[in-house]
């Protein structure tokens, strides 16, 4: 089959040109009906058709083609499911108007996520990230665009759904190309095949795309309503061990930016403030040093756009109160969470504070939410939650580990399964928990299980 755009001979079964990516089968841009080669008008709706066959040779055909280069790009293919059914009974103008709104919506979604529409093919759209401009999160942007497109199209017509595929890899990129696709190569054909294998209303991605995006997309997709930043140890005292020249504010602002980008507006971003790693009791650090360090970190997190601040994994109530004061100065809501991993029943902090001591002290310090995290498996949190709840009117935050870690063949492993973890949800709710999440050893699967058990409670 001869490509109209570049003249390359392709196999009979090919859908796209192997050299320039141009579709080899034509369809009507208004009603998506198949069009015979050489036709000037659609036999179904009468729309005038444009063919490359009668265009004068382009600069590319004359031998002045722009130079192609290989780049890492992410390609999105999406098409409508149910369009034929939705078109039945409509006149040609209504069908054209529906398709136009689909194209406009697709372009808006793609461009909002920084992509470039490569072409519309009947009722399908192809878009690319990484060309002409590349960013480090191109794959994530492409996946988020696909997810948004899947959500947006049924609002045009309840009978319509989109299936999409996203593939990341190397492709030949011809910048400034005319009469041919900007992206060419096997990546284009494979992306089209991935899209065709997706179920209606879903997004199917390639393995490279999955690896590049799963950390940022998975938790929100699993049902997290709150995601935390990766700024747990980003205070000046702790970062001093990394050497001089560390820009503490920039690190914390970047942490918030990454989490907000990952949340994509579908979850709140709470910024994590962890302990200093130094002990007040032994004089390793002074209260004044902690005040300055936590104030610097809290300000940067607030400037970055965090929705709230989480002072977490604290063992010393004095240090926790210093951090809470710094966090409160930003005007953001403050969660304060302690570790209970000491005593015969593992119901005290390392410094000997009980849940009642913690609840009263952190409430007096001005924390908006009081809780416990880390330290032990979720079964031990039920009684701690009940005691915290009895000692304060503040909401209770529970973020347990997936059991206690074990070392197996040099690897740290956690034995608790998502379902075993989530089975404690009813008991925690009865004990007064307002927030339930996962700490060490948990994964998106744990969050999905929590959501299921919460919905069933």
Protein backbone atom coordinates (compact mmCIF):
# COMPACT_ATOMS: atom_id res chain seq x y z
CA UNK A 1 0.00 0.00 0.00
CA UNK A 2 1.47 3.35 -1.09
CA UNK A 3 1.59 6.21 1.46
CA UNK A 4 -0.01 9.37 0.11
CA UNK A 5 2.26 11.59 2.21
CA UNK A 6 5.79 10.30 1.53
CA UNK A 7 5.37 7.67 -1.22
CA UNK A 8 6.69 4.75 0.85
CA UNK A 9 5.40 1.28 -0.09
CA UNK A 10 3.90 -0.50 2.94
CA UNK A 11 2.50 -3.99 3.50
CA UNK A 12 -1.17 -4.69 2.80
CA UNK A 13 -2.01 -5.09 6.49
CA UNK A 14 -0.31 -1.86 7.58
CA UNK A 15 -2.49 0.82 9.18
CA UNK A 16 0.17 3.53 9.35
CA UNK A 17 3.15 4.36 7.14
CA UNK A 18 6.32 2.81 8.53
CA UNK A 19 8.34 5.90 7.57
CA UNK A 20 6.17 8.91 8.46
CA UNK A 21 3.31 7.53 10.56
CA UNK A 22 0.56 8.79 8.23
CA UNK A 23 -2.62 6.65 8.37
CA UNK A 24 -2.91 4.42 5.31
CA UNK A 25 -6.67 3.99 5.50
CA UNK A 26 -8.90 7.00 5.08
CA UNK A 27 -12.05 7.83 7.00
CA UNK A 28 -14.46 10.74 6.87
CA UNK A 29 -13.50 13.54 9.31
CA UNK A 30 -17.21 14.21 9.96
CA UNK A 31 -18.88 10.82 10.35
CA UNK A 32 -15.86 8.46 10.53
CA UNK A 33 -17.20 6.28 7.72
CA UNK A 34 -14.61 4.36 5.67
CA UNK A 35 -13.63 6.17 2.47
CA UNK A 36 -12.53 4.52 -0.77
CA UNK A 37 -9.09 5.50 -2.10
CA UNK A 38 -9.36 8.47 -4.44
CA UNK A 39 -12.84 9.50 -3.26
CA UNK A 40 -13.47 13.26 -3.21
CA UNK A 41 -16.65 13.15 -1.10
CA UNK A 42 -17.86 10.89 1.72
CA UNK A 43 -20.54 8.51 0.42
CA UNK A 44 -22.22 8.46 3.86
CA UNK A 45 -22.58 12.17 4.67
CA UNK A 46 -21.30 14.08 1.62
CA UNK A 47 -18.39 15.81 3.36
CA UNK A 48 -15.68 17.03 0.97
CA UNK A 49 -12.45 15.08 1.38
CA UNK A 50 -8.87 16.23 1.01
CA UNK A 51 -6.31 13.85 -0.43
CA UNK A 52 -2.56 14.10 -0.43
CA UNK A 53 -2.45 12.28 -3.75
CA UNK A 54 -2.98 15.41 -5.84
CA UNK A 55 -0.79 17.81 -3.85
CA UNK A 56 2.39 19.06 -5.47
CA UNK A 57 5.54 17.46 -4.17
CA UNK A 58 6.57 18.89 -0.82
CA UNK A 59 10.05 19.99 0.14
CA UNK A 60 10.50 16.57 1.72
CA UNK A 61 9.70 14.83 -1.59
CA UNK A 62 12.06 17.14 -3.41
CA UNK A 63 14.92 16.02 -1.24
CA UNK A 64 14.96 18.97 1.20
CA UNK A 65 13.36 17.10 4.08
CA UNK A 66 14.22 18.23 7.61
CA UNK A 67 16.65 15.93 9.37
CA UNK A 68 15.04 13.39 11.70
CA UNK A 69 16.56 12.59 15.06
CA UNK A 70 15.84 9.86 17.57
CA UNK A 71 14.21 10.99 20.81
CA UNK A 72 12.52 9.49 23.83
CA UNK A 73 8.84 10.35 23.49
CA UNK A 74 5.49 9.22 24.86
CA UNK A 75 2.73 8.62 22.33
CA UNK A 76 -0.98 8.63 23.15
CA UNK A 77 -3.57 6.97 20.91
CA UNK A 78 -7.24 7.23 21.79
CA UNK A 79 -10.43 6.48 19.91
CA UNK A 80 -14.16 6.59 20.50
CA UNK A 81 -16.15 3.52 21.42
CA UNK A 82 -19.85 3.70 20.66
CA UNK A 83 -19.58 6.44 18.06
CA UNK A 84 -21.32 4.39 15.37
CA UNK A 85 -24.22 3.66 17.70
CA UNK A 86 -24.39 7.28 18.83
CA UNK A 87 -24.43 8.42 15.20
CA UNK A 88 -27.37 6.24 14.23
CA UNK A 89 -30.51 8.31 13.92
CA UNK A 90 -28.57 11.57 13.85
CA UNK A 91 -28.39 13.68 10.75
CA UNK A 92 -25.01 14.53 9.24
CA UNK A 93 -24.81 17.95 10.86
CA UNK A 94 -25.45 16.57 14.35
CA UNK A 95 -22.83 13.89 13.79
CA UNK A 96 -20.30 16.42 12.59
CA UNK A 97 -21.03 18.69 15.57
CA UNK A 98 -20.54 15.78 18.01
CA UNK A 99 -17.24 14.82 16.39
CA UNK A 100 -16.08 18.44 16.44
CA UNK A 101 -16.79 18.71 20.16
CA UNK A 102 -14.87 15.46 20.70
CA UNK A 103 -11.87 16.81 18.78
CA UNK A 104 -12.02 20.13 20.66
CA UNK A 105 -12.19 18.35 24.01
CA UNK A 106 -9.32 16.03 23.10
CA UNK A 107 -7.13 18.94 21.99
CA UNK A 108 -7.92 20.92 25.15
CA UNK A 109 -7.09 17.99 27.43
CA UNK A 110 -3.89 17.11 25.58
CA UNK A 111 -2.59 20.66 25.45
CA UNK A 112 -3.48 21.25 29.10
CA UNK A 113 -1.07 18.45 29.95
CA UNK A 114 1.65 19.81 27.67
CA UNK A 115 1.14 17.44 24.75
CA UNK A 116 1.05 18.09 21.01
CA UNK A 117 -1.77 16.75 18.84
CA UNK A 118 -0.06 14.91 16.02
CA UNK A 119 -3.15 14.04 14.02
CA UNK A 120 -6.84 13.18 14.11
CA UNK A 121 -7.71 10.00 12.27
CA UNK A 122 -11.43 9.47 11.85
CA UNK A 123 -12.61 9.26 15.46
CA UNK A 124 -9.09 8.61 16.80
CA UNK A 125 -6.48 11.04 18.05
CA UNK A 126 -2.70 10.70 18.25
CA UNK A 127 -0.65 12.98 20.50
CA UNK A 128 2.96 13.14 21.56
CA UNK A 129 4.98 14.31 24.57
CA UNK A 130 8.74 14.86 24.32
CA UNK A 131 8.69 16.65 20.98
CA UNK A 132 9.28 19.36 20.05
CA UNK A 133 10.02 20.07 23.75
CA UNK A 134 10.97 17.36 26.24
CA UNK A 135 10.44 17.37 30.02
CA UNK A 136 11.30 14.80 32.66
CA UNK A 137 7.64 13.98 33.32
CA UNK A 138 6.44 13.52 29.73
CA UNK A 139 5.23 9.96 30.35
CA UNK A 140 3.26 11.04 33.42
CA UNK A 141 1.69 13.93 31.51
CA UNK A 142 0.63 11.59 28.72
CA UNK A 143 -0.97 9.13 31.15
CA UNK A 144 -2.80 11.89 33.00
CA UNK A 145 -4.07 13.30 29.71
CA UNK A 146 -5.35 9.86 28.75
CA UNK A 147 -7.10 9.44 32.11
CA UNK A 148 -8.69 12.89 31.85
CA UNK A 149 -9.81 12.18 28.29
CA UNK A 150 -11.47 8.94 29.40
CA UNK A 151 -13.34 10.89 32.09
CA UNK A 152 -14.29 13.83 29.85
CA UNK A 153 -15.77 12.20 26.77
CA UNK A 154 -18.89 10.60 28.32
CA UNK A 155 -20.00 14.12 29.27
CA UNK A 156 -20.38 14.87 25.55
CA UNK A 157 -22.73 11.93 25.10
CA UNK A 158 -23.43 9.17 27.65
CA UNK A 159 -23.23 6.59 24.86
CA UNK A 160 -19.60 7.47 24.14
CA UNK A 161 -16.48 6.06 25.78
CA UNK A 162 -12.80 6.40 25.02
CA UNK A 163 -10.17 3.69 25.08
CA UNK A 164 -6.58 4.88 25.14
CA UNK A 165 -3.06 3.56 24.95
CA UNK A 166 0.20 5.25 25.96
CA UNK A 167 3.63 4.02 24.94
CA UNK A 168 7.03 5.47 25.81
CA UNK A 169 10.15 4.80 23.79
CA UNK A 170 12.49 6.02 21.08
CA UNK A 171 11.06 7.31 17.82
CA UNK A 172 12.27 9.26 14.79
CA UNK A 173 11.28 12.89 15.32
CA UNK A 174 11.23 15.26 12.34
CA UNK A 175 10.81 18.80 13.63
CA UNK A 176 9.28 21.24 11.17
CA UNK A 177 8.07 18.43 8.92
CA UNK A 178 5.31 19.18 6.42
CA UNK A 179 2.93 16.76 4.71
CA UNK A 180 4.06 14.00 7.05
CA UNK A 181 3.95 13.04 10.71
CA UNK A 182 6.42 14.55 13.15
CA UNK A 183 6.82 11.13 14.83
CA UNK A 184 7.64 7.95 12.93
CA UNK A 185 8.76 4.42 13.65
CA UNK A 186 7.56 1.20 15.25
CA UNK A 187 6.57 3.11 18.40
CA UNK A 188 3.63 4.66 16.53
CA UNK A 189 2.27 1.35 15.28
CA UNK A 190 2.77 -0.33 18.65
CA UNK A 191 1.00 2.51 20.46
CA UNK A 192 -1.96 2.07 18.10
CA UNK A 193 -2.05 -1.67 18.84
CA UNK A 194 -1.96 -1.02 22.61
CA UNK A 195 -4.87 1.38 22.27
CA UNK A 196 -6.90 -1.15 20.29
CA UNK A 197 -6.38 -3.71 23.07
CA UNK A 198 -7.67 -1.40 25.83
CA UNK A 199 -11.15 -1.92 27.22
CA UNK A 200 -13.66 0.92 26.75
CA UNK A 201 -13.23 3.56 29.45
CA UNK A 202 -9.68 2.45 30.31
CA UNK A 203 -6.07 3.42 29.60
CA UNK A 204 -3.54 0.72 28.69
CA UNK A 205 0.14 1.61 28.98
CA UNK A 206 3.40 0.00 27.93
CA UNK A 207 5.89 -1.35 30.45
CA UNK A 208 8.29 1.59 30.12
CA UNK A 209 5.43 4.03 30.64
CA UNK A 210 4.23 2.07 33.67
CA UNK A 211 7.65 2.13 35.32
CA UNK A 212 8.01 5.86 34.68
CA UNK A 213 4.62 6.78 36.13
CA UNK A 214 3.48 4.20 38.69
CA UNK A 215 5.02 5.93 41.71
CA UNK A 216 3.21 9.19 41.02
CA UNK A 217 -0.08 7.96 39.61
CA UNK A 218 -0.75 4.72 41.50
CA UNK A 219 -1.63 6.05 44.98
CA UNK A 220 -4.17 8.58 43.73
CA UNK A 221 -5.69 6.03 41.37
CA UNK A 222 -5.89 3.54 44.25
CA UNK A 223 -8.15 5.98 46.08
CA UNK A 224 -5.87 8.11 48.27
CA UNK A 225 -7.59 11.31 49.33
CA UNK A 226 -4.37 12.62 50.87
CA UNK A 227 -0.81 12.07 49.61
CA UNK A 228 2.33 13.07 51.49
CA UNK A 229 5.45 14.77 50.18
CA UNK A 230 8.89 13.17 50.19
CA UNK A 231 10.24 15.86 52.56
CA UNK A 232 10.32 13.78 55.75
CA UNK A 233 14.03 14.40 56.43
CA UNK A 234 14.39 17.73 54.62
CA UNK A 235 15.22 19.89 57.64
CA UNK A 236 18.54 21.69 58.05
CA UNK A 237 19.68 19.62 61.03
CA UNK A 238 19.20 16.33 59.24
CA UNK A 239 20.51 17.56 55.88
CA UNK A 240 23.72 18.79 57.48
CA UNK A 241 25.02 15.23 57.22
CA UNK A 242 24.84 15.57 53.43
CA UNK A 243 27.41 18.38 53.46
CA UNK A 244 27.43 22.12 52.88
CA UNK A 245 25.62 23.97 50.14
CA UNK A 246 22.21 22.30 50.55
CA UNK A 247 19.31 24.57 49.54
CA UNK A 248 16.75 23.46 52.14
CA UNK A 249 13.97 25.71 50.86
CA UNK A 250 14.38 24.56 47.25
CA UNK A 251 14.30 20.89 48.26
CA UNK A 252 11.08 21.33 50.21
CA UNK A 253 9.36 23.41 47.53
CA UNK A 254 10.31 20.80 44.94
CA UNK A 255 8.91 18.04 47.14
CA UNK A 256 5.54 19.77 47.27
CA UNK A 257 5.60 20.46 43.53
CA UNK A 258 6.25 16.80 42.73
CA UNK A 259 3.45 15.59 44.97
CA UNK A 260 0.98 18.16 43.65
CA UNK A 261 1.84 17.14 40.11
CA UNK A 262 1.31 13.49 41.05
CA UNK A 263 -1.99 14.25 42.78
CA UNK A 264 -3.19 16.10 39.70
CA UNK A 265 -5.90 17.89 41.70
CA UNK A 266 -7.51 14.59 42.68
CA UNK A 267 -6.04 14.40 46.20
CA UNK A 268 -4.85 16.81 48.86
CA UNK A 269 -1.11 17.19 49.41
CA UNK A 270 0.04 17.15 53.04
CA UNK A 271 3.72 18.03 53.50
CA UNK A 272 5.79 15.77 55.74
CA UNK A 273 8.02 17.14 58.52
CA UNK A 274 9.99 14.40 60.25
CA UNK A 275 12.24 14.47 63.32
CA UNK A 276 15.70 16.01 63.33
CA UNK A 277 17.45 12.75 64.15
CA UNK A 278 19.10 14.46 67.14
CA UNK A 279 18.13 14.22 70.83
CA UNK A 280 17.26 17.25 72.93
CA UNK A 281 17.75 15.16 76.08
CA UNK A 282 21.44 14.52 75.40
CA UNK A 283 22.17 18.01 74.11
CA UNK A 284 22.85 16.86 70.54
CA UNK A 285 20.67 19.75 69.39
CA UNK A 286 19.24 22.80 71.13
CA UNK A 287 15.61 23.96 71.15
CA UNK A 288 16.68 27.10 69.31
CA UNK A 289 18.32 25.08 66.54
CA UNK A 290 15.18 23.00 66.15
CA UNK A 291 12.99 26.10 66.08
CA UNK A 292 15.03 27.60 63.24
CA UNK A 293 15.22 24.33 61.31
CA UNK A 294 11.52 23.49 61.51
CA UNK A 295 10.47 27.10 60.80
CA UNK A 296 12.63 27.16 57.66
CA UNK A 297 11.20 23.87 56.42
CA UNK A 298 7.59 24.74 57.24
CA UNK A 299 7.79 28.10 55.44
CA UNK A 300 9.19 26.46 52.30
CA UNK A 301 6.51 23.77 52.31
CA UNK A 302 3.80 26.40 52.66
CA UNK A 303 5.34 28.48 49.86
CA UNK A 304 5.33 25.37 47.69
CA UNK A 305 1.56 25.13 47.98
CA UNK A 306 1.00 22.31 50.50
CA UNK A 307 -2.59 21.89 51.69
CA UNK A 308 -1.49 20.98 55.24
CA UNK A 309 1.62 20.07 57.23
CA UNK A 310 2.21 16.71 58.94
CA UNK A 311 4.64 16.58 61.86
CA UNK A 312 5.17 12.82 61.97
CA UNK A 313 7.13 9.88 63.35
CA UNK A 314 8.05 11.88 66.44
CA UNK A 315 9.33 10.11 69.55
CA UNK A 316 9.99 13.18 71.72
CA UNK A 317 6.97 15.30 72.67
CA UNK A 318 9.18 18.35 73.24
CA UNK A 319 10.58 18.15 69.71
CA UNK A 320 7.09 17.52 68.33
CA UNK A 321 5.74 20.64 70.05
CA UNK A 322 8.57 22.75 68.61
CA UNK A 323 7.75 21.45 65.12
CA UNK A 324 4.01 22.04 65.64
CA UNK A 325 4.67 25.65 66.65
CA UNK A 326 6.73 26.20 63.50
CA UNK A 327 4.07 24.59 61.35
CA UNK A 328 1.24 26.60 62.94
CA UNK A 329 3.08 29.84 62.10
CA UNK A 330 2.40 29.19 58.41
CA UNK A 331 -1.36 29.31 58.90
CA UNK A 332 -1.83 25.84 57.40
CA UNK A 333 -3.69 23.00 59.18
CA UNK A 334 -1.27 20.88 61.22
CA UNK A 335 -1.31 17.12 61.87
CA UNK A 336 0.92 15.90 64.71
CA UNK A 337 1.71 12.18 64.88
CA UNK A 338 3.84 10.20 67.33
CA UNK A 339 5.45 6.75 67.29
CA UNK A 340 4.30 4.28 69.95
CA UNK A 341 6.81 1.43 70.04
CA UNK A 342 7.98 1.23 73.66
CA UNK A 343 6.77 -0.46 76.83
CA UNK A 344 5.49 -4.03 77.32
CA UNK A 345 2.33 -3.28 75.30
CA UNK A 346 4.06 -1.02 72.76
CA UNK A 347 1.73 1.78 73.85
CA UNK A 348 4.28 4.44 74.84
CA UNK A 349 6.71 6.59 72.93
CA UNK A 350 10.45 6.04 73.22
CA UNK A 351 10.54 8.91 75.75
CA UNK A 352 7.78 7.30 77.84
CA UNK A 353 4.69 9.30 76.85
CA UNK A 354 1.33 7.52 76.85
CA UNK A 355 -1.43 8.10 74.26
CA UNK A 356 -3.24 10.27 76.82
CA UNK A 357 -0.10 12.38 77.41
CA UNK A 358 0.39 12.76 73.67
CA UNK A 359 -3.22 13.71 72.93
CA UNK A 360 -3.41 16.36 75.65
CA UNK A 361 0.03 17.86 74.97
CA UNK A 362 -0.34 18.09 71.18
CA UNK A 363 -3.85 19.51 71.53
CA UNK A 364 -2.53 22.20 73.87
CA UNK A 365 0.30 22.88 71.40
CA UNK A 366 -2.29 23.73 68.75
CA UNK A 367 -2.31 20.66 66.51
CA UNK A 368 -5.48 20.43 64.41
CA UNK A 369 -5.22 16.63 64.10
CA UNK A 370 -3.51 14.23 66.53
CA UNK A 371 -2.37 10.73 65.75
CA UNK A 372 0.07 7.85 65.59
CA UNK A 373 2.17 6.37 62.81
CA UNK A 374 4.92 3.83 62.17
CA UNK A 375 6.45 1.72 64.96
CA UNK A 376 4.30 -1.41 64.71
CA UNK A 377 1.62 -3.28 62.77
CA UNK A 378 -1.94 -2.06 62.43
CA UNK A 379 -3.45 -4.38 65.08
CA UNK A 380 -1.65 -2.45 67.83
CA UNK A 381 -3.10 0.86 66.64
CA UNK A 382 -6.70 0.09 67.58
CA UNK A 383 -6.22 0.54 71.32
CA UNK A 384 -3.88 3.51 70.81
CA UNK A 385 -6.49 5.15 68.58
CA UNK A 386 -9.20 4.61 71.20
CA UNK A 387 -7.07 6.17 73.94
CA UNK A 388 -6.07 9.14 71.79
CA UNK A 389 -9.70 9.75 70.87
CA UNK A 390 -10.81 9.62 74.50
CA UNK A 391 -8.24 12.25 75.52
CA UNK A 392 -8.87 14.91 72.84
CA UNK A 393 -11.62 16.41 70.73
CA UNK A 394 -9.27 16.62 67.75
CA UNK A 395 -9.65 14.25 64.75
CA UNK A 396 -7.42 11.16 64.98
CA UNK A 397 -4.79 10.27 62.36
CA UNK A 398 -3.71 6.60 62.08
CA UNK A 399 -0.94 5.52 59.69
CA UNK A 400 0.32 2.03 60.55
CA UNK A 401 3.10 -0.13 59.16
CA UNK A 402 2.46 -3.36 57.25
CA UNK A 403 3.64 -5.25 60.31
CA UNK A 404 7.19 -5.25 61.65
CA UNK A 405 10.00 -5.58 59.10
CA UNK A 406 12.03 -8.75 58.68
CA UNK A 407 15.29 -9.30 56.81
CA UNK A 408 15.17 -12.06 54.22
CA UNK A 409 18.15 -12.72 51.95
CA UNK A 410 19.45 -9.24 52.65
CA UNK A 411 16.12 -7.59 51.84
CA UNK A 412 13.69 -5.92 54.22
CA UNK A 413 10.24 -7.48 53.87
CA UNK A 414 6.84 -6.88 55.49
CA UNK A 415 4.54 -9.88 55.91
CA UNK A 416 1.13 -8.21 56.31
CA UNK A 417 -1.03 -8.41 53.18
CA UNK A 418 -3.30 -5.58 52.00
CA UNK A 419 -6.45 -7.52 52.90
CA UNK A 420 -5.18 -8.45 56.38
CA UNK A 421 -4.23 -4.80 56.93
CA UNK A 422 -7.58 -3.44 55.75
CA UNK A 423 -9.61 -5.84 57.91
CA UNK A 424 -8.82 -3.54 60.86
CA UNK A 425 -10.67 -0.59 59.30
CA UNK A 426 -14.01 -1.21 61.09
CA UNK A 427 -12.29 -1.48 64.47
CA UNK A 428 -10.30 1.71 63.86
CA UNK A 429 -13.41 3.59 62.83
CA UNK A 430 -15.18 2.38 65.96
CA UNK A 431 -12.15 3.54 67.98
CA UNK A 432 -12.52 7.06 66.59
CA UNK A 433 -10.14 7.26 63.63
CA UNK A 434 -10.82 10.06 61.16
CA UNK A 435 -7.84 9.41 58.85
CA UNK A 436 -6.51 5.92 58.06
CA UNK A 437 -3.48 5.36 55.87
CA UNK A 438 -0.36 3.30 55.37
CA UNK A 439 3.21 3.85 56.55
CA UNK A 440 6.28 1.61 56.09
CA UNK A 441 5.79 -1.49 53.94
CA UNK A 442 2.46 -0.40 52.46
CA UNK A 443 1.73 0.20 48.79
CA UNK A 444 -1.10 1.35 46.49
CA UNK A 445 -2.66 -2.08 46.97
CA UNK A 446 -3.05 -1.33 50.69
CA UNK A 447 -4.80 1.95 49.93
CA UNK A 448 -7.18 0.25 47.51
CA UNK A 449 -7.98 -2.37 50.15
CA UNK A 450 -8.60 0.34 52.76
CA UNK A 451 -11.03 2.05 50.41
CA UNK A 452 -12.92 -1.18 49.80
CA UNK A 453 -13.26 -1.96 53.50
CA UNK A 454 -14.17 1.64 54.32
CA UNK A 455 -16.95 1.58 51.73
CA UNK A 456 -18.26 -1.68 53.19
CA UNK A 457 -18.25 -0.40 56.78
